Every structure is written in structure tokens, then in C-alpha cells.
């Protein structure tokens, strides 16, 4: 299927995790599905919520794994195996606490950086060679490396405007990746921060 593309957003299923910092990958896919008017379906054989659509002569599948972040690779492998998808046509959107809130970093491949969702995908696909869109959520200096409570917390009221603008720009980056490829999207969007957040990195 030469015109099929897959966009995966990582997060944790369940109401208690909705709109937490760790779920910003889910939030991005909700933004894309809404903009593209693509309905979601829970598909148990993939352990995922999937939304399918056609856009600009491409078939696109949006995927939210429902097997919790640390096991994301199970769902991603099931979808990519089913579609026999070349991994350069899969984009994984993931939170990154090492990037300031509002920053994007797109890469064609790379390490997990300690992110358990990416570790799981790497384990199940036996490769690091797939594009990933890292979405900066920042961190609190006082937390050091113990950030579990922070990433599982929700965005503060004064962050909501930044997050909204950030998700809009991340959606634009994903669409640029679809149309122009990873290099063009990197050139246009890497490092971009929202106006409210510039200068805070």
C-alpha cells in the first residue's frame, strides 16, 4: 500500500489520564482527527483506537494504542505488521520532558531517550529507524529526574493557551511530514516554540 501512512500518538488509556502531560501524543491525534473529520473506532485486534481517512490522495491511519504507554509497541507492531507498512511512513508523536513546553523536535530515527513508550516500540519493531515527533512538555527543576507525578499531572490553567497553540503547530508539522517528508518538516518546525514560551528554553 504505497499511499498508506500511519500516525501514532502515545499515551495512557482511561479517563484518569485524559489530557495529562504524558498524553500529549493522544491530544495531538485528537486534534488531527477532529480537523480531518475522521471518526474513531476501538479495534481490539490492534489494541488501539484507530481513525482512517483519505487526504490528498493518501490513505492515513491515526492510532492511539490502548495497552498503556509501557506496552505501546504491542499495538504499533500489530498495526504495522497488518499493513506491511514501511517504517519511514510511520510517525510517532510522544511527550518529551527534556524539551520546553511548546518546542517540537522531529527526527527520522533515534534513541528512546529513556521514554518507555519508545522503548517498547523499539523492542517490538527491533529497530530505532522510524520518524518520531517529540512534543515538549517541560519539567520542574526541583523534580530532578523523578518526574512521574509531573508527567501524569494535567496542564496548569495558565499553560492551556500555550498548549492549544502548540498542538495546532504540531498538527501542522504532522501534515507537513505527510506532504513533504521528514526533512522538510524538520527544517520548518524543529525548535519552534509558541510566542508565549520563546526565550524560556
N, C-alpha and C. Protein backbone atom coordinates (compact mmCIF):
# COMPACT_ATOMS: atom_id res chain seq x y z
N UNK A 1 0.85 -1.20 0.00
CA UNK A 1 0.00 0.00 0.00
C UNK A 1 0.89 1.25 0.00
N UNK A 2 1.26 1.65 -1.21
CA UNK A 2 2.26 2.70 -1.35
C UNK A 2 1.78 4.06 -0.86
N UNK A 3 0.46 4.24 -0.75
CA UNK A 3 -0.05 5.55 -0.34
C UNK A 3 -0.58 5.56 1.08
N UNK A 4 -0.22 4.54 1.89
CA UNK A 4 -0.70 4.45 3.27
C UNK A 4 0.32 5.04 4.23
N UNK A 5 -0.17 5.86 5.16
CA UNK A 5 0.67 6.47 6.19
C UNK A 5 0.02 6.26 7.55
N UNK A 6 0.86 6.10 8.55
CA UNK A 6 0.39 5.84 9.91
C UNK A 6 0.95 6.92 10.85
N UNK A 7 0.07 7.53 11.63
CA UNK A 7 0.49 8.47 12.67
C UNK A 7 0.04 7.90 14.00
N UNK A 8 0.99 7.67 14.88
CA UNK A 8 0.73 7.10 16.20
C UNK A 8 0.92 8.19 17.25
N UNK A 9 0.00 8.29 18.17
CA UNK A 9 0.16 9.17 19.32
C UNK A 9 0.23 8.32 20.57
N UNK A 10 1.23 8.53 21.41
CA UNK A 10 1.39 7.71 22.60
C UNK A 10 0.71 8.37 23.81
N UNK A 11 0.19 7.51 24.67
CA UNK A 11 -0.46 7.97 25.89
C UNK A 11 -0.96 6.78 26.69
N UNK A 12 -1.70 7.06 27.72
CA UNK A 12 -2.32 6.02 28.54
C UNK A 12 -3.83 6.10 28.39
N UNK A 13 -4.50 4.95 28.24
CA UNK A 13 -5.96 4.97 28.11
C UNK A 13 -6.63 5.19 29.46
N UNK A 14 -7.86 5.66 29.42
CA UNK A 14 -8.63 5.83 30.65
C UNK A 14 -8.84 7.29 31.01
N UNK A 15 -9.98 7.55 31.61
CA UNK A 15 -10.36 8.92 31.94
C UNK A 15 -9.37 9.59 32.89
N UNK A 16 -8.78 8.80 33.80
CA UNK A 16 -7.88 9.40 34.78
C UNK A 16 -6.61 9.97 34.16
N UNK A 17 -6.30 9.51 32.93
CA UNK A 17 -5.08 10.00 32.27
C UNK A 17 -5.38 11.03 31.18
N UNK A 18 -6.64 11.29 30.93
CA UNK A 18 -7.01 12.18 29.84
C UNK A 18 -6.41 13.57 30.04
N UNK A 19 -5.79 14.08 28.99
CA UNK A 19 -5.23 15.44 28.95
C UNK A 19 -4.13 15.66 29.97
N UNK A 20 -3.48 14.59 30.41
CA UNK A 20 -2.27 14.76 31.22
C UNK A 20 -1.09 15.05 30.29
N UNK A 21 -0.01 15.54 30.86
CA UNK A 21 1.16 15.88 30.05
C UNK A 21 1.68 14.66 29.28
N UNK A 22 1.66 13.51 29.93
CA UNK A 22 2.15 12.28 29.30
C UNK A 22 1.30 11.89 28.09
N UNK A 23 0.08 12.41 28.02
CA UNK A 23 -0.86 12.05 26.95
C UNK A 23 -0.91 13.07 25.83
N UNK A 24 0.09 13.91 25.72
CA UNK A 24 0.00 14.94 24.69
C UNK A 24 0.04 14.33 23.29
N UNK A 25 0.62 13.12 23.15
CA UNK A 25 0.55 12.42 21.87
C UNK A 25 -0.89 12.07 21.51
N UNK A 26 -1.66 11.60 22.49
CA UNK A 26 -3.09 11.36 22.29
C UNK A 26 -3.80 12.67 21.92
N UNK A 27 -3.45 13.74 22.62
CA UNK A 27 -4.11 15.02 22.38
C UNK A 27 -3.86 15.51 20.96
N UNK A 28 -2.65 15.30 20.45
CA UNK A 28 -2.36 15.69 19.08
C UNK A 28 -3.23 14.91 18.10
N UNK A 29 -3.37 13.61 18.31
CA UNK A 29 -4.18 12.82 17.39
C UNK A 29 -5.65 13.19 17.46
N UNK A 30 -6.12 13.57 18.66
CA UNK A 30 -7.49 14.07 18.75
C UNK A 30 -7.65 15.34 17.91
N UNK A 31 -6.64 16.19 17.94
CA UNK A 31 -6.68 17.42 17.14
C UNK A 31 -6.71 17.09 15.64
N UNK A 32 -5.89 16.13 15.21
CA UNK A 32 -5.87 15.75 13.80
C UNK A 32 -7.18 15.11 13.37
N UNK A 33 -7.69 14.19 14.18
CA UNK A 33 -8.94 13.51 13.83
C UNK A 33 -10.09 14.50 13.73
N UNK A 34 -10.12 15.47 14.63
CA UNK A 34 -11.17 16.47 14.58
C UNK A 34 -11.05 17.34 13.33
N UNK A 35 -9.82 17.80 13.03
CA UNK A 35 -9.60 18.65 11.87
C UNK A 35 -9.93 17.92 10.58
N UNK A 36 -9.63 16.64 10.54
CA UNK A 36 -9.83 15.84 9.33
C UNK A 36 -11.17 15.10 9.33
N UNK A 37 -11.96 15.29 10.37
CA UNK A 37 -13.29 14.69 10.48
C UNK A 37 -13.24 13.17 10.33
N UNK A 38 -12.31 12.58 11.04
CA UNK A 38 -12.12 11.14 10.98
C UNK A 38 -12.65 10.51 12.26
N UNK A 39 -13.64 9.63 12.18
CA UNK A 39 -14.21 9.02 13.39
C UNK A 39 -13.31 7.94 13.95
N UNK A 40 -13.31 7.83 15.27
CA UNK A 40 -12.52 6.81 15.96
C UNK A 40 -13.30 5.52 16.10
N UNK A 41 -12.57 4.39 16.05
CA UNK A 41 -13.15 3.08 16.35
C UNK A 41 -12.16 2.32 17.23
N UNK A 42 -12.69 1.69 18.27
CA UNK A 42 -11.86 0.82 19.10
C UNK A 42 -11.73 -0.53 18.40
N UNK A 43 -10.50 -0.94 18.10
CA UNK A 43 -10.27 -2.18 17.38
C UNK A 43 -9.39 -3.08 18.24
N UNK A 44 -10.03 -4.08 18.83
CA UNK A 44 -9.35 -4.90 19.84
C UNK A 44 -8.20 -5.70 19.26
N UNK A 45 -8.29 -6.10 18.00
CA UNK A 45 -7.20 -6.92 17.43
C UNK A 45 -5.91 -6.11 17.32
N UNK A 46 -6.03 -4.79 17.31
CA UNK A 46 -4.85 -3.93 17.29
C UNK A 46 -4.56 -3.31 18.67
N UNK A 47 -5.40 -3.59 19.65
CA UNK A 47 -5.29 -2.97 20.98
C UNK A 47 -5.21 -1.45 20.85
N UNK A 48 -6.03 -0.89 19.99
CA UNK A 48 -5.91 0.53 19.64
C UNK A 48 -7.25 1.14 19.29
N UNK A 49 -7.30 2.46 19.42
CA UNK A 49 -8.31 3.26 18.75
C UNK A 49 -7.71 3.70 17.43
N UNK A 50 -8.45 3.47 16.34
CA UNK A 50 -7.97 3.85 15.02
C UNK A 50 -8.97 4.79 14.36
N UNK A 51 -8.45 5.72 13.59
CA UNK A 51 -9.26 6.58 12.74
C UNK A 51 -8.65 6.51 11.34
N UNK A 52 -9.47 6.22 10.35
CA UNK A 52 -8.99 6.08 8.98
C UNK A 52 -9.60 7.16 8.11
N UNK A 53 -8.79 7.65 7.17
CA UNK A 53 -9.28 8.68 6.26
C UNK A 53 -8.44 8.70 5.00
N UNK A 54 -8.93 9.41 4.00
CA UNK A 54 -8.16 9.68 2.79
C UNK A 54 -8.02 11.18 2.67
N UNK A 55 -6.79 11.61 2.33
CA UNK A 55 -6.50 13.04 2.27
C UNK A 55 -5.35 13.24 1.29
N UNK A 56 -5.55 14.14 0.33
CA UNK A 56 -4.51 14.45 -0.65
C UNK A 56 -3.95 13.18 -1.29
N UNK A 57 -4.85 12.29 -1.68
CA UNK A 57 -4.51 11.05 -2.37
C UNK A 57 -3.66 10.11 -1.51
N UNK A 58 -3.73 10.28 -0.21
CA UNK A 58 -3.06 9.38 0.72
C UNK A 58 -4.09 8.73 1.63
N UNK A 59 -3.86 7.49 1.95
CA UNK A 59 -4.65 6.81 2.98
C UNK A 59 -3.91 6.99 4.30
N UNK A 60 -4.60 7.47 5.31
CA UNK A 60 -3.98 7.78 6.59
C UNK A 60 -4.69 7.01 7.69
N UNK A 61 -3.91 6.42 8.56
CA UNK A 61 -4.44 5.76 9.75
C UNK A 61 -3.88 6.48 10.97
N UNK A 62 -4.75 6.93 11.83
CA UNK A 62 -4.36 7.50 13.11
C UNK A 62 -4.53 6.43 14.18
N UNK A 63 -3.55 6.32 15.07
CA UNK A 63 -3.55 5.22 16.04
C UNK A 63 -3.24 5.72 17.44
N UNK A 64 -4.13 5.40 18.38
CA UNK A 64 -3.89 5.60 19.80
C UNK A 64 -3.84 4.23 20.48
N UNK A 65 -2.65 3.71 20.78
CA UNK A 65 -2.57 2.42 21.46
C UNK A 65 -3.32 2.46 22.79
N UNK A 66 -4.02 1.37 23.10
CA UNK A 66 -4.83 1.30 24.32
C UNK A 66 -4.26 0.29 25.32
N UNK A 67 -2.98 -0.03 25.18
CA UNK A 67 -2.37 -1.04 26.05
C UNK A 67 -1.38 -0.41 27.04
N UNK A 68 -1.57 0.87 27.35
CA UNK A 68 -0.74 1.64 28.26
C UNK A 68 0.63 1.92 27.65
N UNK A 69 1.18 3.03 28.07
CA UNK A 69 2.40 3.58 27.47
C UNK A 69 3.53 2.57 27.40
N UNK A 70 3.78 1.85 28.49
CA UNK A 70 4.94 0.97 28.55
C UNK A 70 4.82 -0.24 27.63
N UNK A 71 3.62 -0.49 27.11
CA UNK A 71 3.40 -1.61 26.19
C UNK A 71 2.99 -1.14 24.80
N UNK A 72 3.24 0.10 24.48
CA UNK A 72 2.79 0.67 23.21
C UNK A 72 3.26 -0.13 22.00
N UNK A 73 4.44 -0.72 22.10
CA UNK A 73 4.99 -1.45 20.98
C UNK A 73 4.14 -2.61 20.53
N UNK A 74 3.37 -3.22 21.44
CA UNK A 74 2.49 -4.33 21.06
C UNK A 74 1.47 -3.87 20.02
N UNK A 75 0.85 -2.74 20.28
CA UNK A 75 -0.16 -2.21 19.37
C UNK A 75 0.47 -1.73 18.07
N UNK A 76 1.58 -1.02 18.17
CA UNK A 76 2.23 -0.48 16.97
C UNK A 76 2.69 -1.62 16.07
N UNK A 77 3.25 -2.67 16.63
CA UNK A 77 3.69 -3.81 15.83
C UNK A 77 2.50 -4.49 15.16
N UNK A 78 1.38 -4.60 15.87
CA UNK A 78 0.20 -5.24 15.28
C UNK A 78 -0.30 -4.46 14.07
N UNK A 79 -0.31 -3.13 14.16
CA UNK A 79 -0.80 -2.32 13.05
C UNK A 79 0.19 -2.35 11.88
N UNK A 80 1.47 -2.14 12.15
CA UNK A 80 2.45 -2.12 11.07
C UNK A 80 2.57 -3.48 10.39
N UNK A 81 2.46 -4.56 11.16
CA UNK A 81 2.52 -5.89 10.56
C UNK A 81 1.30 -6.14 9.66
N UNK A 82 0.13 -5.72 10.13
CA UNK A 82 -1.09 -5.94 9.35
C UNK A 82 -1.01 -5.23 8.00
N UNK A 83 -0.55 -3.99 8.02
CA UNK A 83 -0.50 -3.20 6.80
C UNK A 83 0.81 -3.36 6.03
N UNK A 84 1.75 -4.14 6.58
CA UNK A 84 3.07 -4.30 5.94
C UNK A 84 3.65 -2.92 5.61
N UNK A 85 3.65 -2.08 6.61
CA UNK A 85 3.97 -0.67 6.40
C UNK A 85 5.47 -0.41 6.51
N UNK A 86 6.09 0.20 5.49
CA UNK A 86 7.47 0.65 5.64
C UNK A 86 7.54 1.69 6.76
N UNK A 87 8.52 1.56 7.63
CA UNK A 87 8.52 2.38 8.84
C UNK A 87 8.85 3.85 8.60
N UNK A 88 9.34 4.18 7.41
CA UNK A 88 9.53 5.61 7.13
C UNK A 88 8.21 6.30 6.84
N UNK A 89 7.11 5.51 6.76
CA UNK A 89 5.79 6.10 6.60
C UNK A 89 4.97 6.00 7.88
N UNK A 90 5.66 5.86 9.00
CA UNK A 90 5.03 5.91 10.32
C UNK A 90 5.65 7.05 11.11
N UNK A 91 4.81 7.88 11.71
CA UNK A 91 5.26 8.97 12.57
C UNK A 91 4.70 8.73 13.97
N UNK A 92 5.58 8.74 14.98
CA UNK A 92 5.16 8.53 16.37
C UNK A 92 5.29 9.85 17.12
N UNK A 93 4.18 10.32 17.68
CA UNK A 93 4.15 11.56 18.46
C UNK A 93 4.21 11.21 19.94
N UNK A 94 5.14 11.84 20.66
CA UNK A 94 5.43 11.44 22.03
C UNK A 94 5.82 12.66 22.86
N UNK A 95 5.47 12.63 24.15
CA UNK A 95 5.85 13.71 25.06
C UNK A 95 7.35 13.66 25.34
N UNK A 96 7.94 14.83 25.61
CA UNK A 96 9.36 14.90 25.93
C UNK A 96 9.57 15.95 27.01
N UNK A 97 9.94 15.49 28.21
CA UNK A 97 10.14 16.41 29.34
C UNK A 97 11.45 17.18 29.23
N UNK A 98 12.34 16.76 28.33
CA UNK A 98 13.61 17.46 28.16
C UNK A 98 13.51 18.62 27.19
N UNK A 99 12.36 18.81 26.57
CA UNK A 99 12.10 19.97 25.73
C UNK A 99 11.14 20.90 26.46
N UNK A 100 11.38 22.18 26.34
CA UNK A 100 10.49 23.16 26.97
C UNK A 100 9.09 23.06 26.39
N UNK A 101 8.11 23.37 27.20
CA UNK A 101 6.73 23.37 26.74
C UNK A 101 6.60 24.26 25.51
N UNK A 102 6.08 23.68 24.44
CA UNK A 102 5.92 24.44 23.20
C UNK A 102 6.96 24.15 22.15
N UNK A 103 7.98 23.37 22.47
CA UNK A 103 9.01 23.06 21.48
C UNK A 103 8.72 21.72 20.80
N UNK A 104 9.06 21.66 19.52
CA UNK A 104 8.93 20.45 18.72
C UNK A 104 10.31 19.95 18.30
N UNK A 105 10.44 18.65 18.19
CA UNK A 105 11.66 18.09 17.63
C UNK A 105 11.31 16.84 16.83
N UNK A 106 11.44 16.95 15.54
CA UNK A 106 11.16 15.84 14.64
C UNK A 106 12.47 15.21 14.21
N UNK A 107 12.55 13.89 14.24
CA UNK A 107 13.74 13.16 13.84
C UNK A 107 13.34 11.94 13.00
N UNK A 108 14.17 11.55 12.02
CA UNK A 108 13.86 10.38 11.21
C UNK A 108 14.12 9.07 11.93
N UNK A 109 14.87 9.12 13.03
CA UNK A 109 15.20 7.92 13.81
C UNK A 109 15.85 8.41 15.09
N UNK A 110 16.30 7.48 15.94
CA UNK A 110 17.00 7.89 17.15
C UNK A 110 16.71 6.99 18.32
N UNK A 111 17.31 7.33 19.45
CA UNK A 111 17.14 6.53 20.65
C UNK A 111 15.82 6.87 21.34
N UNK A 112 15.49 6.07 22.31
CA UNK A 112 14.26 6.31 23.08
C UNK A 112 14.40 7.49 24.02
N UNK A 113 15.63 7.83 24.38
CA UNK A 113 15.84 8.90 25.34
C UNK A 113 15.26 8.58 26.71
N UNK A 114 15.11 7.28 26.99
CA UNK A 114 14.55 6.89 28.27
C UNK A 114 13.03 6.87 28.32
N UNK A 115 12.38 7.17 27.19
CA UNK A 115 10.92 7.17 27.16
C UNK A 115 10.42 5.73 27.01
N UNK A 116 9.60 5.28 27.95
CA UNK A 116 9.20 3.88 27.97
C UNK A 116 8.33 3.48 26.78
N UNK A 117 7.55 4.41 26.28
CA UNK A 117 6.75 4.11 25.11
C UNK A 117 7.61 3.84 23.89
N UNK A 118 8.62 4.69 23.68
CA UNK A 118 9.54 4.48 22.56
C UNK A 118 10.38 3.22 22.76
N UNK A 119 10.74 2.95 24.01
CA UNK A 119 11.49 1.71 24.30
C UNK A 119 10.68 0.49 23.89
N UNK A 120 9.38 0.51 24.18
CA UNK A 120 8.53 -0.62 23.84
C UNK A 120 8.41 -0.77 22.32
N UNK A 121 8.27 0.34 21.62
CA UNK A 121 8.18 0.27 20.16
C UNK A 121 9.48 -0.27 19.58
N UNK A 122 10.60 0.23 20.07
CA UNK A 122 11.90 -0.26 19.60
C UNK A 122 12.04 -1.76 19.84
N UNK A 123 11.59 -2.22 20.99
CA UNK A 123 11.69 -3.64 21.32
C UNK A 123 10.85 -4.48 20.36
N UNK A 124 9.63 -4.07 20.08
CA UNK A 124 8.73 -4.88 19.27
C UNK A 124 9.01 -4.77 17.78
N UNK A 125 9.56 -3.64 17.34
CA UNK A 125 9.88 -3.50 15.92
C UNK A 125 11.33 -3.86 15.62
N UNK A 126 12.14 -4.02 16.67
CA UNK A 126 13.56 -4.37 16.53
C UNK A 126 14.32 -3.34 15.71
N UNK A 127 13.94 -2.08 15.85
CA UNK A 127 14.64 -1.01 15.15
C UNK A 127 14.32 0.33 15.80
N UNK A 128 15.25 1.27 15.61
CA UNK A 128 15.01 2.67 16.01
C UNK A 128 14.70 3.54 14.80
N UNK A 129 14.67 2.93 13.63
CA UNK A 129 14.60 3.69 12.39
C UNK A 129 13.16 3.96 11.97
N UNK A 130 12.53 4.88 12.67
CA UNK A 130 11.21 5.37 12.29
C UNK A 130 11.10 6.81 12.78
N UNK A 131 10.39 7.67 12.04
CA UNK A 131 10.27 9.07 12.45
C UNK A 131 9.50 9.22 13.75
N UNK A 132 9.95 10.18 14.55
CA UNK A 132 9.25 10.50 15.78
C UNK A 132 9.19 12.01 15.96
N UNK A 133 8.03 12.46 16.45
CA UNK A 133 7.79 13.87 16.72
C UNK A 133 7.72 14.05 18.23
N UNK A 134 8.77 14.63 18.78
CA UNK A 134 8.83 14.84 20.23
C UNK A 134 8.14 16.17 20.56
N UNK A 135 7.25 16.11 21.53
CA UNK A 135 6.42 17.26 21.92
C UNK A 135 6.84 17.71 23.31
N UNK A 136 7.44 18.88 23.40
CA UNK A 136 7.99 19.35 24.66
C UNK A 136 6.92 19.65 25.69
N UNK A 137 7.06 19.04 26.87
CA UNK A 137 6.15 19.34 27.99
C UNK A 137 6.88 20.00 29.14
N UNK A 138 8.22 20.16 29.01
CA UNK A 138 9.00 20.79 30.07
C UNK A 138 9.10 19.93 31.31
N UNK A 139 9.73 20.47 32.32
CA UNK A 139 9.86 19.80 33.61
C UNK A 139 10.09 20.86 34.68
N UNK A 140 9.91 20.47 35.94
CA UNK A 140 10.19 21.36 37.06
C UNK A 140 11.61 21.08 37.55
N UNK A 141 12.39 22.13 37.69
CA UNK A 141 13.79 21.95 38.09
C UNK A 141 13.91 21.22 39.42
N UNK A 142 12.97 21.46 40.31
CA UNK A 142 13.06 20.86 41.65
C UNK A 142 12.80 19.36 41.65
N UNK A 143 12.25 18.81 40.55
CA UNK A 143 11.93 17.38 40.50
C UNK A 143 13.14 16.51 40.17
N UNK A 144 14.17 17.12 39.61
CA UNK A 144 15.30 16.31 39.17
C UNK A 144 14.84 15.33 38.11
N UNK A 145 15.22 14.04 38.27
CA UNK A 145 14.81 13.01 37.33
C UNK A 145 13.54 12.29 37.78
N UNK A 146 13.02 12.63 38.93
CA UNK A 146 11.80 11.99 39.45
C UNK A 146 10.59 12.80 38.99
N UNK A 147 10.11 12.51 37.80
CA UNK A 147 9.09 13.36 37.19
C UNK A 147 7.76 12.65 36.98
N UNK A 148 7.59 11.47 37.58
CA UNK A 148 6.36 10.70 37.34
C UNK A 148 5.11 11.50 37.68
N UNK A 149 5.08 12.12 38.86
CA UNK A 149 3.90 12.89 39.25
C UNK A 149 3.66 14.05 38.30
N UNK A 150 4.75 14.65 37.84
CA UNK A 150 4.63 15.80 36.94
C UNK A 150 4.02 15.38 35.59
N UNK A 151 4.57 14.33 34.98
CA UNK A 151 4.09 13.96 33.65
C UNK A 151 2.67 13.39 33.71
N UNK A 152 2.29 12.81 34.84
CA UNK A 152 0.94 12.28 34.96
C UNK A 152 -0.05 13.32 35.47
N UNK A 153 0.43 14.54 35.66
CA UNK A 153 -0.44 15.64 36.04
C UNK A 153 -0.98 16.37 34.82
N UNK A 154 -2.01 17.16 35.05
CA UNK A 154 -2.60 17.92 33.94
C UNK A 154 -1.94 19.28 33.81
N UNK A 155 -2.08 19.85 32.64
CA UNK A 155 -1.52 21.17 32.40
C UNK A 155 -2.21 22.20 33.28
N UNK A 156 -1.45 23.18 33.73
CA UNK A 156 -1.98 24.23 34.59
C UNK A 156 -2.84 25.19 33.77
N UNK A 157 -3.76 25.89 34.43
CA UNK A 157 -4.63 26.82 33.69
C UNK A 157 -3.86 27.84 32.86
N UNK A 158 -2.74 28.33 33.37
CA UNK A 158 -2.00 29.34 32.61
C UNK A 158 -1.16 28.73 31.50
N UNK A 159 -1.17 27.40 31.38
CA UNK A 159 -0.47 26.73 30.27
C UNK A 159 -1.42 26.38 29.13
N UNK A 160 -2.71 26.48 29.36
CA UNK A 160 -3.68 25.99 28.39
C UNK A 160 -3.56 26.69 27.03
N UNK A 161 -3.36 28.01 27.04
CA UNK A 161 -3.25 28.73 25.77
C UNK A 161 -2.01 28.30 25.01
N UNK A 162 -0.90 28.11 25.73
CA UNK A 162 0.33 27.64 25.09
C UNK A 162 0.11 26.26 24.49
N UNK A 163 -0.54 25.38 25.24
CA UNK A 163 -0.77 24.01 24.77
C UNK A 163 -1.65 24.01 23.52
N UNK A 164 -2.68 24.84 23.50
CA UNK A 164 -3.57 24.90 22.36
C UNK A 164 -2.81 25.33 21.11
N UNK A 165 -2.00 26.38 21.23
CA UNK A 165 -1.22 26.85 20.09
C UNK A 165 -0.18 25.79 19.69
N UNK A 166 0.40 25.15 20.68
CA UNK A 166 1.40 24.12 20.46
C UNK A 166 0.82 22.95 19.67
N UNK A 167 -0.37 22.49 20.04
CA UNK A 167 -1.00 21.38 19.34
C UNK A 167 -1.35 21.75 17.90
N UNK A 168 -1.74 22.99 17.69
CA UNK A 168 -2.02 23.44 16.33
C UNK A 168 -0.76 23.37 15.48
N UNK A 169 0.35 23.82 16.05
CA UNK A 169 1.62 23.80 15.30
C UNK A 169 2.11 22.36 15.11
N UNK A 170 1.92 21.51 16.10
CA UNK A 170 2.31 20.11 15.96
C UNK A 170 1.49 19.42 14.87
N UNK A 171 0.21 19.76 14.78
CA UNK A 171 -0.63 19.21 13.72
C UNK A 171 -0.13 19.68 12.35
N UNK A 172 0.30 20.93 12.26
CA UNK A 172 0.87 21.44 11.02
C UNK A 172 2.15 20.69 10.67
N UNK A 173 2.96 20.37 11.68
CA UNK A 173 4.19 19.62 11.44
C UNK A 173 3.88 18.22 10.92
N UNK A 174 2.86 17.58 11.49
CA UNK A 174 2.48 16.24 11.03
C UNK A 174 1.99 16.29 9.59
N UNK A 175 1.21 17.30 9.25
CA UNK A 175 0.72 17.41 7.89
C UNK A 175 1.86 17.71 6.93
N UNK A 176 2.82 18.52 7.35
CA UNK A 176 3.99 18.79 6.52
C UNK A 176 4.78 17.51 6.28
N UNK A 177 4.91 16.68 7.31
CA UNK A 177 5.59 15.38 7.15
C UNK A 177 4.88 14.53 6.11
N UNK A 178 3.56 14.52 6.15
CA UNK A 178 2.80 13.74 5.17
C UNK A 178 3.04 14.24 3.75
N UNK A 179 3.03 15.53 3.56
CA UNK A 179 3.10 16.10 2.21
C UNK A 179 4.53 16.22 1.69
N UNK A 180 5.45 16.62 2.58
CA UNK A 180 6.79 16.97 2.11
C UNK A 180 7.90 16.08 2.61
N UNK A 181 7.58 15.18 3.53
CA UNK A 181 8.62 14.30 4.06
C UNK A 181 9.26 14.84 5.31
N UNK A 182 10.08 14.00 5.93
CA UNK A 182 10.63 14.31 7.24
C UNK A 182 11.61 15.48 7.19
N UNK A 183 12.42 15.57 6.15
CA UNK A 183 13.43 16.63 6.11
C UNK A 183 12.78 18.02 6.02
N UNK A 184 11.78 18.14 5.17
CA UNK A 184 11.09 19.43 5.06
C UNK A 184 10.42 19.81 6.37
N UNK A 185 9.77 18.84 7.01
CA UNK A 185 9.11 19.11 8.28
C UNK A 185 10.12 19.49 9.36
N UNK A 186 11.27 18.84 9.38
CA UNK A 186 12.32 19.21 10.34
C UNK A 186 12.78 20.64 10.12
N UNK A 187 13.00 21.00 8.86
CA UNK A 187 13.51 22.34 8.55
C UNK A 187 12.52 23.42 8.97
N UNK A 188 11.24 23.13 8.83
CA UNK A 188 10.23 24.14 9.11
C UNK A 188 9.84 24.23 10.58
N UNK A 189 9.88 23.10 11.30
CA UNK A 189 9.24 23.08 12.61
C UNK A 189 10.17 22.78 13.78
N UNK A 190 11.33 22.21 13.56
CA UNK A 190 12.15 21.85 14.71
C UNK A 190 12.55 23.07 15.53
N UNK A 191 12.38 22.94 16.83
CA UNK A 191 12.76 24.01 17.75
C UNK A 191 11.73 25.09 17.90
N UNK A 192 10.70 25.05 17.08
CA UNK A 192 9.70 26.12 17.13
C UNK A 192 8.97 26.10 18.45
N UNK A 193 8.88 27.26 19.06
CA UNK A 193 8.13 27.40 20.31
C UNK A 193 7.00 28.39 20.10
N UNK A 194 6.00 28.29 20.95
CA UNK A 194 4.92 29.26 20.90
C UNK A 194 5.44 30.63 21.29
N UNK A 195 4.74 31.65 20.84
CA UNK A 195 5.19 33.02 21.11
C UNK A 195 5.29 33.28 22.60
N UNK A 196 4.37 32.72 23.37
CA UNK A 196 4.35 32.96 24.81
C UNK A 196 5.54 32.30 25.51
N UNK A 197 6.12 31.28 24.85
CA UNK A 197 7.12 30.48 25.51
C UNK A 197 8.54 30.73 25.00
N UNK A 198 8.69 31.52 23.97
CA UNK A 198 10.01 31.77 23.42
C UNK A 198 10.89 32.46 24.46
N UNK A 199 12.15 32.06 24.48
CA UNK A 199 13.07 32.66 25.42
C UNK A 199 13.12 31.97 26.76
N UNK A 200 12.30 30.91 26.96
CA UNK A 200 12.27 30.22 28.25
C UNK A 200 13.01 28.89 28.22
N UNK A 201 13.68 28.58 27.10
CA UNK A 201 14.36 27.28 27.00
C UNK A 201 15.74 27.36 27.63
